[in-house]
């Protein structure tokens, strides 16, 4: 593009929707971080990776919040700074999301022990690659104003750059598209492995009704489906606008598409909180117990059935811990904790 990009303001309702999404994502990421800090027994292998994913999502949501609030009209110094931070955090979030899936695949399907070397490799890739890309983009002045064609008020890759396509791919889109392919494949393989394990186990216990494992495995199966589905649903609108921008289509400024893009890019922390805190029984019960200062215990009685009148509390906690928060060496419970 030879001519400078004209100023383009994001309408008020769209800005409000995206700002609310940023705020919810920040709260969700903070809740995930606090749950990890508050309860040491939650610091299992997958949830350690969720801790770093939450840090990336929190930083991403904060940078997007500032960008949408400012609604940049040119490549000012804070536009470049915000664009650099969001590029680093957003790309790092992609890598950590794939790291969680890869960790589960290696632990459950391949049976490989997840040692410190693997965790260090995740750190090197998930922080190092985004940092290198961001530093190079800033040094070469590729971060700047994009007239909200591939953003919603914030700054990203400067669309005046001649090699903007290359930098849009490097600064996020290539890794986003890679995640579209990697996440469904890994989680489908994991789910097939779990289904085969359940089928093999049922052959040895054909006469036992076993009512409790079925709901637990059903919850795990639903999560295995929801993780890639939610990720793709949130991120696909950004990819659609990216393609429309390359095609120079006026549909890139469609209000509904802009809102979906803004919420999709900023709500990842909130979605992770819903999946891994609110929809994970052991974490949810700990939060309720903490909020109610111990007065919420009777709420669990109907779910425990008639045995709850005589069972001591300690076996109940051990049972949940065995299912939702295993040691890294265990395989089956890894799914329920994630």
Foldseek 3Di string as FASTA:
>chain_A
DADADFAAFFDDVLLVLLLVLLVLLLVLLVLLLVLVVVDVLLPADLSVLVNVLSVLLNQLSVLLNVQSVVLDRWFDPSLLVSQLSNLQSLQLNLLSLLLSLVLLLCCAVVVDFDDPVSVVVSCCVSRVLSVVLSVVCVVVVQKGDDNCLLARRGIYGRPVDPVSVVSVCSSHVVSLVVSLPRLLVSLVSNLVSVVVVVVVVCVVVVPDPPPPVVVLVVLLNVLSVVSSVLLCQLQVLSVVSVVCVVVVHPCSVVSVSNSSNSSSSNNPSSVCSCSQAVSQVVNVVVVVCVVVVNPCVVVCVVVVPPVVVPDDVPVVVVVSCVQQRDHSSDRRSPSSND
